Amino acid sequence: MNTLQTVLLISQVILSVVLTVLVVLQSQNSGAGGMFGADTTVYRTKRGLEKTLYQATIALAALFFIISIVAAALI
């Protein structure tokens, strides 16, 4: 295993942990009612920290996807 593969593997692990944290933080912001079947038909725009978490999750997921493809191509 060369250095580039090691860096990609470590970055995948770090990104997966960060993505997990971001998804958990987003689910905490949505309220617990949705988990237990409460009617959640209120739609609103994301603002502030919620919007930042949402955009960061998308960006990190895309980065994780790209790194995974590059790592698979190197194997």
C-alpha atoms as a PDB file:
ATOM      1  CA  MET A   1       0.000   0.000   0.000  1.00  0.00           C
ATOM      2  CA  ASN A   2       1.565   3.248  -1.078  1.00  0.00           C
ATOM      3  CA  THR A   3       1.349   6.634   0.558  1.00  0.00           C
ATOM      4  CA  LEU A   4      -1.493   7.940  -1.617  1.00  0.00           C
ATOM      5  CA  GLN A   5      -3.676   4.946  -0.813  1.00  0.00           C
ATOM      6  CA  THR A   6      -2.979   5.423   2.886  1.00  0.00           C
ATOM      7  CA  VAL A   7      -3.923   9.106   2.718  1.00  0.00           C
ATOM      8  CA  LEU A   8      -7.127   8.291   0.834  1.00  0.00           C
ATOM      9  CA  LEU A   9      -8.059   5.578   3.327  1.00  0.00           C
ATOM     10  CA  ILE A  10      -7.487   7.858   6.324  1.00  0.00           C
ATOM     11  CA  SER A  11      -9.446  10.665   4.669  1.00  0.00           C
ATOM     12  CA  GLN A  12     -12.340   8.276   4.015  1.00  0.00           C
ATOM     13  CA  VAL A  13     -12.443   7.289   7.671  1.00  0.00           C
ATOM     14  CA  ILE A  14     -12.351  10.900   8.827  1.00  0.00           C
ATOM     15  CA  LEU A  15     -15.023  11.960   6.319  1.00  0.00           C
ATOM     16  CA  SER A  16     -17.289   9.085   7.316  1.00  0.00           C
ATOM     17  CA  VAL A  17     -17.121  10.084  10.976  1.00  0.00           C
ATOM     18  CA  VAL A  18     -17.777  13.754  10.167  1.00  0.00           C
ATOM     19  CA  LEU A  19     -20.686  12.838   7.868  1.00  0.00           C
ATOM     20  CA  THR A  20     -22.215  10.688  10.578  1.00  0.00           C
ATOM     21  CA  VAL A  21     -21.999  13.549  13.067  1.00  0.00           C
ATOM     22  CA  LEU A  22     -23.559  15.986  10.588  1.00  0.00           C
ATOM     23  CA  VAL A  23     -26.463  13.650   9.831  1.00  0.00           C
ATOM     24  CA  VAL A  24     -27.115  13.080  13.529  1.00  0.00           C
ATOM     25  CA  LEU A  25     -27.053  16.830  14.176  1.00  0.00           C
ATOM     26  CA  GLN A  26     -29.550  17.386  11.375  1.00  0.00           C
ATOM     27  CA  SER A  27     -31.917  14.737  12.710  1.00  0.00           C
ATOM     28  CA  GLN A  28     -31.773  16.340  16.168  1.00  0.00           C
ATOM     29  CA  ASN A  29     -32.791  19.680  14.673  1.00  0.00           C
ATOM     30  CA  SER A  30     -35.828  18.199  12.923  1.00  0.00           C
ATOM     31  CA  GLY A  31     -37.551  17.293  16.179  1.00  0.00           C
ATOM     32  CA  ALA A  32     -38.350  13.926  17.678  1.00  0.00           C
ATOM     33  CA  GLY A  33     -41.975  13.919  16.541  1.00  0.00           C
ATOM     34  CA  GLY A  34     -41.107  12.651  13.073  1.00  0.00           C
ATOM     35  CA  MET A  35     -39.426   9.570  14.514  1.00  0.00           C
ATOM     36  CA  PHE A  36     -42.559   8.486  16.313  1.00  0.00           C
ATOM     37  CA  GLY A  37     -45.059   9.066  13.515  1.00  0.00           C
ATOM     38  CA  ALA A  38     -46.220  12.577  14.319  1.00  0.00           C
ATOM     39  CA  ASP A  39     -47.628  14.564  11.429  1.00  0.00           C
ATOM     40  CA  THR A  40     -44.801  16.732  10.101  1.00  0.00           C
ATOM     41  CA  THR A  41     -46.341  18.501   7.124  1.00  0.00           C
ATOM     42  CA  VAL A  42     -44.943  21.925   7.962  1.00  0.00           C
ATOM     43  CA  TYR A  43     -42.433  22.982   5.335  1.00  0.00           C
ATOM     44  CA  ARG A  44     -40.019  25.780   6.020  1.00  0.00           C
ATOM     45  CA  THR A  45     -36.790  27.090   4.606  1.00  0.00           C
ATOM     46  CA  LYS A  46     -33.485  26.240   6.187  1.00  0.00           C
ATOM     47  CA  ARG A  47     -31.747  29.193   7.794  1.00  0.00           C
ATOM     48  CA  GLY A  48     -28.584  29.875   9.707  1.00  0.00           C
ATOM     49  CA  LEU A  49     -26.837  26.893  11.240  1.00  0.00           C
ATOM     50  CA  GLU A  50     -29.360  24.429   9.834  1.00  0.00           C
ATOM     51  CA  LYS A  51     -28.622  25.598   6.282  1.00  0.00           C
ATOM     52  CA  THR A  52     -24.874  25.439   6.916  1.00  0.00           C
ATOM     53  CA  LEU A  53     -25.141  21.864   8.244  1.00  0.00           C
ATOM     54  CA  TYR A  54     -27.213  20.888   5.214  1.00  0.00           C
ATOM     55  CA  GLN A  55     -24.743  22.371   2.722  1.00  0.00           C
ATOM     56  CA  ALA A  56     -21.744  20.908   4.559  1.00  0.00           C
ATOM     57  CA  THR A  57     -23.352  17.462   4.485  1.00  0.00           C
ATOM     58  CA  ILE A  58     -23.857  17.667   0.721  1.00  0.00           C
ATOM     59  CA  ALA A  59     -20.311  18.904   0.113  1.00  0.00           C
ATOM     60  CA  LEU A  60     -18.696  16.270   2.324  1.00  0.00           C
ATOM     61  CA  ALA A  61     -20.825  13.497   0.817  1.00  0.00           C
ATOM     62  CA  ALA A  62     -19.696  14.527  -2.671  1.00  0.00           C
ATOM     63  CA  LEU A  63     -16.072  14.654  -1.515  1.00  0.00           C
ATOM     64  CA  PHE A  64     -16.406  11.210   0.098  1.00  0.00           C
ATOM     65  CA  PHE A  65     -17.866   9.842  -3.150  1.00  0.00           C
ATOM     66  CA  ILE A  66     -15.010  11.266  -5.236  1.00  0.00           C
ATOM     67  CA  ILE A  67     -12.331   9.997  -2.839  1.00  0.00           C
ATOM     68  CA  SER A  68     -13.943   6.545  -2.845  1.00  0.00           C
ATOM     69  CA  ILE A  69     -13.869   6.375  -6.646  1.00  0.00           C
ATOM     70  CA  VAL A  70     -10.229   7.509  -6.748  1.00  0.00           C
ATOM     71  CA  ALA A  71      -9.267   4.978  -4.086  1.00  0.00           C
ATOM     72  CA  ALA A  72     -11.039   2.188  -5.954  1.00  0.00           C
ATOM     73  CA  ALA A  73      -9.265   3.124  -9.177  1.00  0.00           C
ATOM     74  CA  LEU A  74      -5.880   2.859  -7.446  1.00  0.00           C
ATOM     75  CA  ILE A  75      -6.460  -0.668  -6.180  1.00  0.00           C
END
